[in-house]
């Protein structure tokens, strides 16, 4: 027999529509919490000092264009030796001739953790080759950032090398 409240008969499933209402209320409450947290924690900045980064980007793009005009190429190798590693750079001009007389300097940076940069001073050994011994504090991936210059021309190198 159905129970009569306020004049309307209620069956066994009279509470089912309230499940949908409750489910939507939970979804709306969770979304509201997530929206509030997102707005409070995100500053809207993707990078710090975006104007300065934009200027640096334009300078880097101009440097890349200049390097293309120079036509220089470089290859880098890292060979383990005596508790450290020998890093060797081979520079060549657009025709593949070795580039001697360059002033080359650089540093190794760890891409996966904040370790201090390891400076590298290269010595010319002839035939467009420049070599240095470096003692990296950890094995694994390192980014070599180097620059070579001669007679006002400048070339920047960024290459990932792995020390076993």
N, C-alpha and C. Protein backbone atom coordinates (compact mmCIF):
# COMPACT_ATOMS: atom_id res chain seq x y z
N UNK A 1 0.84 -1.17 0.00
CA UNK A 1 0.00 0.00 0.00
C UNK A 1 0.88 1.24 0.00
N UNK A 2 0.51 2.22 -0.81
CA UNK A 2 1.29 3.45 -0.91
C UNK A 2 0.96 4.40 0.23
N UNK A 3 2.03 5.09 0.68
CA UNK A 3 1.84 6.06 1.74
C UNK A 3 1.41 7.37 1.12
N UNK A 4 0.49 8.03 1.72
CA UNK A 4 -0.01 9.28 1.17
C UNK A 4 0.50 10.42 2.03
N UNK A 5 1.25 11.34 1.38
CA UNK A 5 1.71 12.55 2.07
C UNK A 5 1.27 13.72 1.22
N UNK A 6 0.69 14.64 1.81
CA UNK A 6 0.14 15.83 1.16
C UNK A 6 -0.75 15.47 -0.02
N UNK A 7 -1.41 14.39 0.11
CA UNK A 7 -2.38 14.05 -0.88
C UNK A 7 -1.86 13.32 -2.09
N UNK A 8 -0.49 13.10 -2.20
CA UNK A 8 0.04 12.41 -3.38
C UNK A 8 0.59 11.05 -2.96
N UNK A 9 0.31 10.04 -3.73
CA UNK A 9 0.86 8.73 -3.40
C UNK A 9 2.34 8.67 -3.79
N UNK A 10 3.19 8.06 -2.95
CA UNK A 10 4.60 7.91 -3.26
C UNK A 10 4.95 6.44 -3.32
N UNK A 11 5.65 6.07 -4.43
CA UNK A 11 6.03 4.69 -4.62
C UNK A 11 7.41 4.41 -4.08
N UNK A 12 7.93 3.23 -4.43
CA UNK A 12 9.23 2.79 -3.91
C UNK A 12 10.39 3.62 -4.45
N UNK A 13 10.32 4.17 -5.66
CA UNK A 13 11.45 4.89 -6.26
C UNK A 13 11.32 6.39 -6.23
N UNK A 14 10.58 6.91 -5.28
CA UNK A 14 10.38 8.35 -5.24
C UNK A 14 11.67 9.13 -4.95
N UNK A 15 12.71 8.53 -4.41
CA UNK A 15 13.96 9.22 -4.04
C UNK A 15 14.97 9.24 -5.19
N UNK A 16 14.75 8.50 -6.29
CA UNK A 16 15.71 8.41 -7.40
C UNK A 16 16.00 9.78 -8.04
N UNK A 17 15.04 10.62 -8.33
CA UNK A 17 15.37 11.94 -8.90
C UNK A 17 16.28 12.75 -7.99
N UNK A 18 16.14 12.56 -6.67
CA UNK A 18 17.00 13.30 -5.74
C UNK A 18 18.45 12.84 -5.81
N UNK A 19 18.70 11.60 -6.25
CA UNK A 19 20.08 11.15 -6.47
C UNK A 19 20.75 11.96 -7.57
N UNK A 20 20.02 12.22 -8.64
CA UNK A 20 20.58 13.03 -9.72
C UNK A 20 20.87 14.45 -9.25
N UNK A 21 19.93 15.02 -8.52
CA UNK A 21 20.13 16.37 -7.99
C UNK A 21 21.36 16.40 -7.07
N UNK A 22 21.48 15.42 -6.19
CA UNK A 22 22.63 15.36 -5.28
C UNK A 22 23.93 15.15 -6.03
N UNK A 23 23.93 14.30 -7.04
CA UNK A 23 25.14 14.06 -7.84
C UNK A 23 25.62 15.33 -8.53
N UNK A 24 24.68 16.07 -9.14
CA UNK A 24 25.05 17.32 -9.78
C UNK A 24 25.52 18.36 -8.76
N UNK A 25 24.93 18.37 -7.59
CA UNK A 25 25.36 19.31 -6.54
C UNK A 25 26.81 19.02 -6.14
N UNK A 26 27.18 17.74 -6.03
CA UNK A 26 28.56 17.38 -5.69
C UNK A 26 29.51 17.82 -6.80
N UNK A 27 29.15 17.58 -8.05
CA UNK A 27 29.99 17.99 -9.18
C UNK A 27 30.19 19.50 -9.20
N UNK A 28 29.12 20.25 -9.00
CA UNK A 28 29.21 21.71 -8.99
C UNK A 28 30.09 22.19 -7.83
N UNK A 29 29.97 21.58 -6.66
CA UNK A 29 30.78 21.99 -5.51
C UNK A 29 32.26 21.71 -5.75
N UNK A 30 32.58 20.53 -6.28
CA UNK A 30 33.99 20.20 -6.56
C UNK A 30 34.56 21.15 -7.60
N UNK A 31 33.82 21.41 -8.68
CA UNK A 31 34.29 22.35 -9.70
C UNK A 31 34.50 23.74 -9.12
N UNK A 32 33.62 24.19 -8.25
CA UNK A 32 33.77 25.50 -7.63
C UNK A 32 35.06 25.57 -6.81
N UNK A 33 35.34 24.52 -6.04
CA UNK A 33 36.58 24.49 -5.24
C UNK A 33 37.79 24.53 -6.17
N UNK A 34 37.80 23.75 -7.23
CA UNK A 34 38.93 23.71 -8.16
C UNK A 34 39.12 25.05 -8.87
N UNK A 35 38.04 25.71 -9.25
CA UNK A 35 38.14 27.01 -9.91
C UNK A 35 38.73 28.05 -8.95
N UNK A 36 38.27 28.06 -7.72
CA UNK A 36 38.80 29.02 -6.74
C UNK A 36 40.29 28.77 -6.52
N UNK A 37 40.69 27.53 -6.37
CA UNK A 37 42.11 27.22 -6.17
C UNK A 37 42.95 27.62 -7.38
N UNK A 38 42.46 27.38 -8.58
CA UNK A 38 43.20 27.73 -9.79
C UNK A 38 43.38 29.23 -9.90
N UNK A 39 42.35 29.99 -9.60
CA UNK A 39 42.43 31.45 -9.70
C UNK A 39 43.36 32.01 -8.64
N UNK A 40 43.35 31.45 -7.45
CA UNK A 40 44.22 31.94 -6.37
C UNK A 40 45.69 31.61 -6.59
N UNK A 41 46.01 30.47 -7.19
CA UNK A 41 47.40 30.03 -7.27
C UNK A 41 48.09 30.39 -8.58
N UNK A 42 47.37 30.68 -9.66
CA UNK A 42 48.01 30.98 -10.95
C UNK A 42 48.07 32.48 -11.14
N UNK A 43 49.28 33.00 -11.32
CA UNK A 43 49.45 34.44 -11.46
C UNK A 43 49.14 34.93 -12.86
N UNK A 44 49.08 34.04 -13.82
CA UNK A 44 48.85 34.44 -15.21
C UNK A 44 50.13 34.58 -15.99
N UNK A 45 51.27 34.62 -15.29
CA UNK A 45 52.57 34.73 -15.97
C UNK A 45 53.10 33.34 -16.30
N UNK A 46 53.53 33.18 -17.53
CA UNK A 46 54.14 31.93 -17.92
C UNK A 46 55.64 31.99 -17.65
N UNK A 47 56.25 33.15 -17.84
CA UNK A 47 57.67 33.34 -17.55
C UNK A 47 57.83 34.61 -16.71
N UNK A 48 58.88 34.64 -15.93
CA UNK A 48 59.20 35.85 -15.18
C UNK A 48 59.75 36.89 -16.16
N UNK A 49 59.45 38.12 -15.96
CA UNK A 49 59.92 39.24 -16.78
C UNK A 49 59.71 38.97 -18.27
N UNK A 50 58.46 38.87 -18.73
CA UNK A 50 58.20 38.51 -20.12
C UNK A 50 58.76 39.52 -21.13
N UNK A 51 58.77 40.80 -20.80
CA UNK A 51 59.31 41.79 -21.74
C UNK A 51 60.79 41.55 -21.97
N UNK A 52 61.53 41.34 -20.88
CA UNK A 52 62.97 41.08 -21.00
C UNK A 52 63.22 39.79 -21.78
N UNK A 53 62.42 38.76 -21.51
CA UNK A 53 62.58 37.49 -22.24
C UNK A 53 62.30 37.68 -23.73
N UNK A 54 61.33 38.52 -24.05
CA UNK A 54 61.03 38.80 -25.45
C UNK A 54 62.18 39.49 -26.15
N UNK A 55 62.80 40.46 -25.47
CA UNK A 55 63.97 41.14 -26.03
C UNK A 55 65.11 40.14 -26.22
N UNK A 56 65.33 39.28 -25.22
CA UNK A 56 66.39 38.27 -25.33
C UNK A 56 66.10 37.30 -26.47
N UNK A 57 64.83 36.95 -26.66
CA UNK A 57 64.47 36.06 -27.75
C UNK A 57 64.81 36.70 -29.10
N UNK A 58 64.49 37.98 -29.25
CA UNK A 58 64.80 38.67 -30.50
C UNK A 58 66.31 38.72 -30.74
N UNK A 59 67.08 38.95 -29.69
CA UNK A 59 68.54 38.96 -29.83
C UNK A 59 69.05 37.57 -30.20
N UNK A 60 68.48 36.53 -29.60
CA UNK A 60 68.90 35.17 -29.93
C UNK A 60 68.54 34.83 -31.37
N UNK A 61 67.37 35.26 -31.83
CA UNK A 61 66.98 35.01 -33.22
C UNK A 61 67.93 35.71 -34.19
N UNK A 62 68.34 36.93 -33.85
CA UNK A 62 69.30 37.66 -34.69
C UNK A 62 70.65 36.95 -34.69
N UNK A 63 71.05 36.40 -33.53
CA UNK A 63 72.31 35.67 -33.44
C UNK A 63 72.26 34.41 -34.31
N UNK A 64 71.14 33.72 -34.31
CA UNK A 64 70.99 32.51 -35.14
C UNK A 64 71.10 32.87 -36.62
N UNK A 65 70.47 33.97 -37.02
CA UNK A 65 70.59 34.41 -38.42
C UNK A 65 72.04 34.73 -38.77
N UNK A 66 72.75 35.40 -37.87
CA UNK A 66 74.15 35.73 -38.10
C UNK A 66 74.99 34.45 -38.23
N UNK A 67 74.72 33.48 -37.39
CA UNK A 67 75.46 32.21 -37.46
C UNK A 67 75.21 31.50 -38.79
N UNK A 68 73.98 31.56 -39.27
CA UNK A 68 73.69 30.95 -40.57
C UNK A 68 74.49 31.63 -41.68
N UNK A 69 74.61 32.95 -41.61
CA UNK A 69 75.38 33.67 -42.62
C UNK A 69 76.86 33.30 -42.54
N UNK A 70 77.37 33.08 -41.33
CA UNK A 70 78.77 32.67 -41.18
C UNK A 70 79.03 31.31 -41.82
N UNK A 71 78.09 30.40 -41.64
CA UNK A 71 78.25 29.06 -42.20
C UNK A 71 79.18 28.16 -41.40
N UNK A 72 79.54 28.56 -40.20
CA UNK A 72 80.42 27.72 -39.39
C UNK A 72 79.65 26.50 -38.88
N UNK A 73 80.38 25.42 -38.71
CA UNK A 73 79.81 24.22 -38.09
C UNK A 73 80.71 23.79 -36.95
N UNK A 74 80.13 23.06 -36.01
CA UNK A 74 80.91 22.59 -34.87
C UNK A 74 80.40 21.21 -34.47
N UNK A 75 81.32 20.37 -34.05
CA UNK A 75 80.94 19.08 -33.46
C UNK A 75 81.62 18.99 -32.10
N UNK A 76 80.93 18.36 -31.17
CA UNK A 76 81.44 18.26 -29.80
C UNK A 76 81.50 16.80 -29.39
N UNK A 77 82.53 16.47 -28.63
CA UNK A 77 82.66 15.10 -28.11
C UNK A 77 83.17 15.17 -26.67
N UNK A 78 82.67 14.27 -25.85
CA UNK A 78 83.06 14.18 -24.45
C UNK A 78 83.58 12.77 -24.21
N UNK A 79 84.85 12.67 -23.81
CA UNK A 79 85.49 11.37 -23.62
C UNK A 79 85.98 11.26 -22.18
N UNK A 80 85.56 10.21 -21.45
CA UNK A 80 86.04 10.04 -20.07
C UNK A 80 87.55 9.84 -20.01
N UNK A 81 88.17 10.46 -19.00
CA UNK A 81 89.63 10.32 -18.85
C UNK A 81 90.03 10.75 -17.44
N UNK A 82 90.77 9.91 -16.74
CA UNK A 82 91.39 10.22 -15.45
C UNK A 82 90.45 10.88 -14.44
N UNK A 83 89.29 10.30 -14.21
CA UNK A 83 88.36 10.84 -13.22
C UNK A 83 87.60 12.06 -13.67
N UNK A 84 87.74 12.45 -14.89
CA UNK A 84 87.02 13.58 -15.46
C UNK A 84 86.67 13.26 -16.90
N UNK A 85 86.72 14.27 -17.73
CA UNK A 85 86.42 14.06 -19.14
C UNK A 85 87.15 15.09 -19.98
N UNK A 86 87.48 14.69 -21.19
CA UNK A 86 88.05 15.61 -22.16
C UNK A 86 86.93 16.00 -23.11
N UNK A 87 86.72 17.29 -23.25
CA UNK A 87 85.73 17.78 -24.20
C UNK A 87 86.49 18.39 -25.37
N UNK A 88 86.11 17.99 -26.57
CA UNK A 88 86.79 18.49 -27.76
C UNK A 88 85.76 19.04 -28.74
N UNK A 89 86.03 20.25 -29.22
CA UNK A 89 85.19 20.89 -30.22
C UNK A 89 85.97 20.99 -31.52
N UNK A 90 85.30 20.68 -32.63
CA UNK A 90 85.90 20.82 -33.97
C UNK A 90 85.09 21.84 -34.74
N UNK A 91 85.74 22.94 -35.09
CA UNK A 91 85.08 24.03 -35.81
C UNK A 91 85.52 24.00 -37.26
N UNK A 92 84.57 24.25 -38.16
CA UNK A 92 84.87 24.31 -39.60
C UNK A 92 84.07 25.44 -40.23
N UNK A 93 84.59 25.98 -41.34
CA UNK A 93 83.86 27.03 -42.05
C UNK A 93 82.86 26.39 -43.02
N UNK A 94 82.21 27.21 -43.83
CA UNK A 94 81.15 26.70 -44.70
C UNK A 94 81.66 25.71 -45.73
N UNK A 95 82.97 25.76 -46.06
CA UNK A 95 83.55 24.83 -47.02
C UNK A 95 84.13 23.58 -46.36
N UNK A 96 84.03 23.50 -45.04
CA UNK A 96 84.56 22.35 -44.30
C UNK A 96 86.01 22.50 -43.88
N UNK A 97 86.63 23.65 -44.16
CA UNK A 97 88.01 23.89 -43.75
C UNK A 97 88.06 24.19 -42.26
N UNK A 98 89.07 23.68 -41.54
CA UNK A 98 89.18 23.92 -40.10
C UNK A 98 89.30 25.41 -39.79
N UNK A 99 88.66 25.82 -38.70
CA UNK A 99 88.72 27.21 -38.25
C UNK A 99 89.71 27.31 -37.09
N UNK A 100 90.83 27.92 -37.35
CA UNK A 100 91.83 28.16 -36.31
C UNK A 100 91.78 29.63 -35.91
N UNK A 101 92.40 29.95 -34.78
CA UNK A 101 92.45 31.32 -34.32
C UNK A 101 91.19 31.80 -33.63
N UNK A 102 90.37 30.87 -33.18
CA UNK A 102 89.15 31.24 -32.47
C UNK A 102 89.43 31.43 -30.99
N UNK A 103 88.66 32.29 -30.37
CA UNK A 103 88.67 32.40 -28.92
C UNK A 103 87.44 31.65 -28.43
N UNK A 104 87.65 30.53 -27.73
CA UNK A 104 86.55 29.64 -27.35
C UNK A 104 86.48 29.52 -25.83
N UNK A 105 85.30 29.71 -25.29
CA UNK A 105 85.06 29.54 -23.85
C UNK A 105 83.66 28.98 -23.67
N UNK A 106 83.43 28.38 -22.52
CA UNK A 106 82.10 27.84 -22.29
C UNK A 106 81.89 27.38 -20.87
N UNK A 107 80.76 26.72 -20.67
CA UNK A 107 80.45 26.16 -19.37
C UNK A 107 79.47 25.01 -19.53
N UNK A 108 79.54 24.08 -18.60
CA UNK A 108 78.61 22.97 -18.55
C UNK A 108 77.54 23.30 -17.53
N UNK A 109 76.27 23.03 -17.90
CA UNK A 109 75.14 23.22 -16.99
C UNK A 109 74.37 21.91 -16.92
N UNK A 110 73.93 21.59 -15.74
CA UNK A 110 73.17 20.36 -15.52
C UNK A 110 71.70 20.64 -15.86
N UNK A 111 71.11 19.92 -16.83
CA UNK A 111 69.74 20.23 -17.23
C UNK A 111 68.67 19.74 -16.27
N UNK A 112 68.99 18.78 -15.40
CA UNK A 112 67.93 18.16 -14.59
C UNK A 112 67.98 18.55 -13.11
N UNK A 113 68.98 19.29 -12.71
CA UNK A 113 69.03 19.72 -11.31
C UNK A 113 69.85 21.00 -11.20
N UNK A 114 69.68 21.70 -10.11
CA UNK A 114 70.37 22.96 -9.93
C UNK A 114 71.74 22.76 -9.31
N UNK A 115 72.71 22.50 -10.16
CA UNK A 115 74.10 22.45 -9.74
C UNK A 115 74.79 23.68 -10.31
N UNK A 116 75.84 24.15 -9.65
CA UNK A 116 76.56 25.29 -10.21
C UNK A 116 77.15 24.94 -11.58
N UNK A 117 77.19 25.95 -12.46
CA UNK A 117 77.78 25.76 -13.78
C UNK A 117 79.28 25.47 -13.62
N UNK A 118 79.81 24.63 -14.52
CA UNK A 118 81.23 24.28 -14.50
C UNK A 118 81.89 24.97 -15.69
N UNK A 119 82.73 26.00 -15.41
CA UNK A 119 83.36 26.72 -16.53
C UNK A 119 84.40 25.84 -17.24
N UNK A 120 84.55 26.10 -18.54
CA UNK A 120 85.48 25.34 -19.36
C UNK A 120 86.30 26.33 -20.19
N UNK A 121 87.63 26.21 -20.11
CA UNK A 121 88.54 27.03 -20.92
C UNK A 121 89.17 26.12 -21.97
N UNK A 122 88.95 26.44 -23.23
CA UNK A 122 89.44 25.61 -24.32
C UNK A 122 90.80 26.09 -24.81
N UNK A 123 91.63 25.13 -25.20
CA UNK A 123 92.96 25.41 -25.75
C UNK A 123 92.96 24.91 -27.19
N UNK A 124 93.45 25.76 -28.10
CA UNK A 124 93.54 25.36 -29.51
C UNK A 124 94.65 24.32 -29.67
N UNK A 125 94.33 23.22 -30.36
CA UNK A 125 95.34 22.18 -30.60
C UNK A 125 95.60 21.99 -32.10
N UNK A 126 95.03 22.87 -32.91
CA UNK A 126 95.28 22.85 -34.36
C UNK A 126 94.22 22.09 -35.12
N UNK A 127 94.12 22.39 -36.38
CA UNK A 127 93.16 21.72 -37.24
C UNK A 127 91.71 22.03 -36.90
N UNK A 128 91.46 23.22 -36.33
CA UNK A 128 90.11 23.60 -35.96
C UNK A 128 89.61 22.92 -34.70
N UNK A 129 90.53 22.27 -33.96
CA UNK A 129 90.13 21.55 -32.74
C UNK A 129 90.52 22.35 -31.51
N UNK A 130 89.61 22.30 -30.53
CA UNK A 130 89.81 22.99 -29.25
C UNK A 130 89.45 22.00 -28.16
N UNK A 131 90.32 21.89 -27.18
CA UNK A 131 90.17 20.82 -26.18
C UNK A 131 90.30 21.39 -24.78
N UNK A 132 89.62 20.69 -23.85
CA UNK A 132 89.71 21.06 -22.44
C UNK A 132 89.44 19.82 -21.60
N UNK A 133 90.06 19.79 -20.42
CA UNK A 133 89.76 18.75 -19.44
C UNK A 133 88.78 19.35 -18.44
N UNK A 134 87.75 18.58 -18.10
CA UNK A 134 86.75 19.08 -17.17
C UNK A 134 86.40 17.97 -16.17
N UNK A 135 86.24 18.37 -14.93
CA UNK A 135 85.83 17.42 -13.88
C UNK A 135 84.38 17.74 -13.51
N UNK A 136 83.46 17.02 -14.12
CA UNK A 136 82.04 17.23 -13.83
C UNK A 136 81.68 16.51 -12.54
N UNK A 137 80.88 17.14 -11.67
CA UNK A 137 80.60 16.55 -10.36
C UNK A 137 79.72 15.29 -10.41
N UNK A 138 78.98 15.08 -11.50
CA UNK A 138 78.10 13.91 -11.60
C UNK A 138 78.13 13.38 -13.02
N UNK A 139 77.91 12.09 -13.13
CA UNK A 139 77.77 11.49 -14.45
C UNK A 139 76.38 11.80 -15.00
N UNK A 140 76.22 11.64 -16.29
CA UNK A 140 74.91 11.84 -16.91
C UNK A 140 74.91 12.98 -17.89
N UNK A 141 73.73 13.51 -18.16
CA UNK A 141 73.55 14.54 -19.17
C UNK A 141 74.00 15.91 -18.66
N UNK A 142 74.72 16.62 -19.51
CA UNK A 142 75.17 17.99 -19.26
C UNK A 142 74.97 18.80 -20.54
N UNK A 143 74.61 20.06 -20.39
CA UNK A 143 74.48 20.96 -21.53
C UNK A 143 75.74 21.82 -21.61
N UNK A 144 76.42 21.75 -22.75
CA UNK A 144 77.58 22.58 -23.00
C UNK A 144 77.12 23.85 -23.70
N UNK A 145 77.38 24.99 -23.09
CA UNK A 145 77.11 26.30 -23.69
C UNK A 145 78.47 26.93 -23.94
N UNK A 146 78.81 27.10 -25.22
CA UNK A 146 80.12 27.65 -25.57
C UNK A 146 79.95 28.74 -26.61
N UNK A 147 80.94 29.61 -26.67
CA UNK A 147 80.96 30.65 -27.70
C UNK A 147 82.36 30.69 -28.30
N UNK A 148 82.40 30.95 -29.59
CA UNK A 148 83.65 31.11 -30.32
C UNK A 148 83.59 32.42 -31.07
N UNK A 149 84.68 33.15 -31.04
CA UNK A 149 84.69 34.43 -31.74
C UNK A 149 86.03 34.63 -32.44
N UNK A 150 85.96 35.38 -33.53
CA UNK A 150 87.17 35.73 -34.29
C UNK A 150 86.81 36.92 -35.18
N UNK A 151 87.58 37.96 -35.09
CA UNK A 151 87.43 39.15 -35.94
C UNK A 151 86.00 39.70 -35.92
N UNK A 152 85.40 39.75 -34.75
CA UNK A 152 84.07 40.32 -34.62
C UNK A 152 82.94 39.33 -34.91
N UNK A 153 83.25 38.19 -35.51
CA UNK A 153 82.24 37.17 -35.76
C UNK A 153 82.11 36.31 -34.50
N UNK A 154 80.87 35.95 -34.15
CA UNK A 154 80.65 35.18 -32.92
C UNK A 154 79.68 34.04 -33.21
N UNK A 155 79.98 32.88 -32.66
CA UNK A 155 79.14 31.69 -32.84
C UNK A 155 78.83 31.13 -31.46
N UNK A 156 77.56 30.84 -31.21
CA UNK A 156 77.14 30.26 -29.94
C UNK A 156 76.76 28.80 -30.14
N UNK A 157 77.18 27.98 -29.20
CA UNK A 157 76.89 26.55 -29.26
C UNK A 157 76.16 26.14 -28.00
N UNK A 158 75.13 25.35 -28.18
CA UNK A 158 74.43 24.73 -27.05
C UNK A 158 74.21 23.27 -27.45
N UNK A 159 74.86 22.37 -26.74
CA UNK A 159 74.76 20.96 -27.09
C UNK A 159 74.73 20.11 -25.85
N UNK A 160 73.89 19.08 -25.87
CA UNK A 160 73.79 18.15 -24.75
C UNK A 160 74.81 17.04 -24.94
N UNK A 161 75.64 16.84 -23.92
CA UNK A 161 76.63 15.78 -23.92
C UNK A 161 76.40 14.90 -22.70
N UNK A 162 76.77 13.64 -22.80
CA UNK A 162 76.55 12.70 -21.70
C UNK A 162 77.88 12.16 -21.23
N UNK A 163 78.14 12.32 -19.93
CA UNK A 163 79.34 11.75 -19.32
C UNK A 163 78.95 10.42 -18.70
N UNK A 164 79.58 9.35 -19.13
CA UNK A 164 79.24 8.03 -18.56
C UNK A 164 79.62 7.91 -17.09
